[in-house]
Amino acid sequence: LENQRAWRDDETKMTFILVEAESGRPVGDVNAFRVEGDARAVEVSVMVAEPWARGRGHGRDAVRCIALAARELWGAERVVAKIARSNAR
């Protein structure tokens, strides 16, 4: 609960829960963090936790949405994503 409060109140972070439209089930999350030292950049991380939901475009859509929110709320102009080599998708 304390972690949730910290995220909610931290103006350098935002998170969205990914919910599949067809089923209404949560499938993962997407986060954005302001990049320290670069006020116009955000770093994003995406997790599609449910294996059955992968490969359906949820990650792509999530990055688009959070990038738009970061632009509107923070004035972000650049999105940085660090993708592990082990991520087959």
C-alpha atoms as a PDB file:
ATOM      1  CA  LEU A   1       0.000   0.000   0.000  1.00  0.00           C
ATOM      2  CA  GLU A   2       2.851   2.369   0.838  1.00  0.00           C
ATOM      3  CA  ASN A   3       4.450   1.643  -2.555  1.00  0.00           C
ATOM      4  CA  GLN A   4       1.179   2.476  -4.310  1.00  0.00           C
ATOM      5  CA  ARG A   5       0.958   5.780  -2.454  1.00  0.00           C
ATOM      6  CA  ALA A   6       4.559   6.631  -3.318  1.00  0.00           C
ATOM      7  CA  TRP A   7       3.921   5.997  -7.031  1.00  0.00           C
ATOM      8  CA  ARG A   8       0.656   7.935  -6.986  1.00  0.00           C
ATOM      9  CA  ASP A   9       2.284  10.968  -5.373  1.00  0.00           C
ATOM     10  CA  ASP A  10       5.569  10.949  -7.322  1.00  0.00           C
ATOM     11  CA  GLU A  11       5.416  13.508 -10.137  1.00  0.00           C
ATOM     12  CA  THR A  12       8.326  11.848 -11.971  1.00  0.00           C
ATOM     13  CA  LYS A  13       6.524   8.540 -12.543  1.00  0.00           C
ATOM     14  CA  MET A  14       3.264   7.316 -14.010  1.00  0.00           C
ATOM     15  CA  THR A  15       1.797   3.865 -14.479  1.00  0.00           C
ATOM     16  CA  PHE A  16      -1.172   2.425 -16.346  1.00  0.00           C
ATOM     17  CA  ILE A  17      -2.676  -1.013 -15.944  1.00  0.00           C
ATOM     18  CA  LEU A  18      -3.210  -2.788 -19.283  1.00  0.00           C
ATOM     19  CA  VAL A  19      -6.698  -4.220 -19.649  1.00  0.00           C
ATOM     20  CA  GLU A  20      -7.725  -6.257 -22.658  1.00  0.00           C
ATOM     21  CA  ALA A  21     -10.824  -4.677 -24.199  1.00  0.00           C
ATOM     22  CA  GLU A  22     -12.488  -7.940 -25.232  1.00  0.00           C
ATOM     23  CA  SER A  23     -12.244  -9.701 -21.869  1.00  0.00           C
ATOM     24  CA  GLY A  24     -11.870  -6.764 -19.466  1.00  0.00           C
ATOM     25  CA  ARG A  25      -9.065  -8.689 -17.766  1.00  0.00           C
ATOM     26  CA  PRO A  26      -5.853  -6.987 -16.615  1.00  0.00           C
ATOM     27  CA  VAL A  27      -2.905  -8.297 -18.641  1.00  0.00           C
ATOM     28  CA  GLY A  28       0.042  -6.152 -17.499  1.00  0.00           C
ATOM     29  CA  ASP A  29       1.261  -2.621 -16.978  1.00  0.00           C
ATOM     30  CA  VAL A  30       3.221   0.205 -18.551  1.00  0.00           C
ATOM     31  CA  ASN A  31       5.320   2.743 -16.664  1.00  0.00           C
ATOM     32  CA  ALA A  32       6.957   6.031 -17.556  1.00  0.00           C
ATOM     33  CA  PHE A  33       9.753   7.729 -15.662  1.00  0.00           C
ATOM     34  CA  ARG A  34      11.228  11.139 -16.270  1.00  0.00           C
ATOM     35  CA  VAL A  35      14.840  10.809 -17.366  1.00  0.00           C
ATOM     36  CA  GLU A  36      17.085  12.508 -14.866  1.00  0.00           C
ATOM     37  CA  GLY A  37      18.969  15.374 -16.492  1.00  0.00           C
ATOM     38  CA  ASP A  38      16.746  15.472 -19.599  1.00  0.00           C
ATOM     39  CA  ALA A  39      13.409  17.179 -18.951  1.00  0.00           C
ATOM     40  CA  ARG A  40      12.130  16.306 -22.437  1.00  0.00           C
ATOM     41  CA  ALA A  41      12.719  12.535 -22.274  1.00  0.00           C
ATOM     42  CA  VAL A  42      10.872   9.682 -20.599  1.00  0.00           C
ATOM     43  CA  GLU A  43      11.874   6.075 -20.158  1.00  0.00           C
ATOM     44  CA  VAL A  44       9.124   3.491 -20.524  1.00  0.00           C
ATOM     45  CA  SER A  45       8.809  -0.091 -19.376  1.00  0.00           C
ATOM     46  CA  VAL A  46       6.085  -2.493 -20.448  1.00  0.00           C
ATOM     47  CA  MET A  47       5.067  -5.842 -19.046  1.00  0.00           C
ATOM     48  CA  VAL A  48       2.441  -8.028 -20.627  1.00  0.00           C
ATOM     49  CA  ALA A  49       2.280 -10.598 -17.856  1.00  0.00           C
ATOM     50  CA  GLU A  50      -0.347 -12.927 -19.288  1.00  0.00           C
ATOM     51  CA  PRO A  51       1.171 -15.247 -21.923  1.00  0.00           C
ATOM     52  CA  TRP A  52      -2.153 -15.550 -23.751  1.00  0.00           C
ATOM     53  CA  ALA A  53      -2.234 -11.737 -24.202  1.00  0.00           C
ATOM     54  CA  ARG A  54       1.209 -11.419 -25.793  1.00  0.00           C
ATOM     55  CA  GLY A  55       1.612 -10.715 -29.483  1.00  0.00           C
ATOM     56  CA  ARG A  56      -1.722  -8.896 -29.706  1.00  0.00           C
ATOM     57  CA  GLY A  57      -0.392  -5.340 -29.832  1.00  0.00           C
ATOM     58  CA  HIS A  58      -1.023  -4.480 -26.176  1.00  0.00           C
ATOM     59  CA  GLY A  59       2.584  -3.371 -25.633  1.00  0.00           C
ATOM     60  CA  ARG A  60       2.587  -1.185 -28.740  1.00  0.00           C
ATOM     61  CA  ASP A  61      -0.712   0.430 -27.772  1.00  0.00           C
ATOM     62  CA  ALA A  62       0.447   0.933 -24.181  1.00  0.00           C
ATOM     63  CA  VAL A  63       3.627   2.736 -25.258  1.00  0.00           C
ATOM     64  CA  ARG A  64       1.623   4.994 -27.563  1.00  0.00           C
ATOM     65  CA  CYS A  65      -0.817   5.892 -24.782  1.00  0.00           C
ATOM     66  CA  ILE A  66       1.756   6.541 -22.081  1.00  0.00           C
ATOM     67  CA  ALA A  67       3.941   8.525 -24.509  1.00  0.00           C
ATOM     68  CA  LEU A  68       0.933  10.727 -25.322  1.00  0.00           C
ATOM     69  CA  ALA A  69       0.190  11.191 -21.615  1.00  0.00           C
ATOM     70  CA  ALA A  70       3.841  12.053 -20.918  1.00  0.00           C
ATOM     71  CA  ARG A  71       3.797  14.592 -23.727  1.00  0.00           C
ATOM     72  CA  GLU A  72       0.577  16.190 -22.502  1.00  0.00           C
ATOM     73  CA  LEU A  73       1.419  16.157 -18.779  1.00  0.00           C
ATOM     74  CA  TRP A  74       5.203  16.584 -18.788  1.00  0.00           C
ATOM     75  CA  GLY A  75       6.056  18.070 -22.187  1.00  0.00           C
ATOM     76  CA  ALA A  76       8.040  14.949 -23.135  1.00  0.00           C
ATOM     77  CA  GLU A  77       9.422  14.865 -26.673  1.00  0.00           C
ATOM     78  CA  ARG A  78      11.445  11.628 -26.591  1.00  0.00           C
ATOM     79  CA  VAL A  79      10.687   8.100 -25.426  1.00  0.00           C
ATOM     80  CA  VAL A  80      13.457   5.727 -24.386  1.00  0.00           C
ATOM     81  CA  ALA A  81      12.834   1.998 -24.016  1.00  0.00           C
ATOM     82  CA  LYS A  82      15.437  -0.501 -22.886  1.00  0.00           C
ATOM     83  CA  ILE A  83      14.557  -3.939 -24.239  1.00  0.00           C
ATOM     84  CA  ALA A  84      16.315  -7.061 -22.992  1.00  0.00           C
ATOM     85  CA  ARG A  85      17.943  -9.199 -25.677  1.00  0.00           C
ATOM     86  CA  SER A  86      16.088 -12.156 -24.213  1.00  0.00           C
ATOM     87  CA  ASN A  87      12.731 -10.553 -25.134  1.00  0.00           C
ATOM     88  CA  ALA A  88      11.789 -12.593 -28.199  1.00  0.00           C
ATOM     89  CA  ARG A  89       9.013 -10.246 -29.272  1.00  0.00           C
END
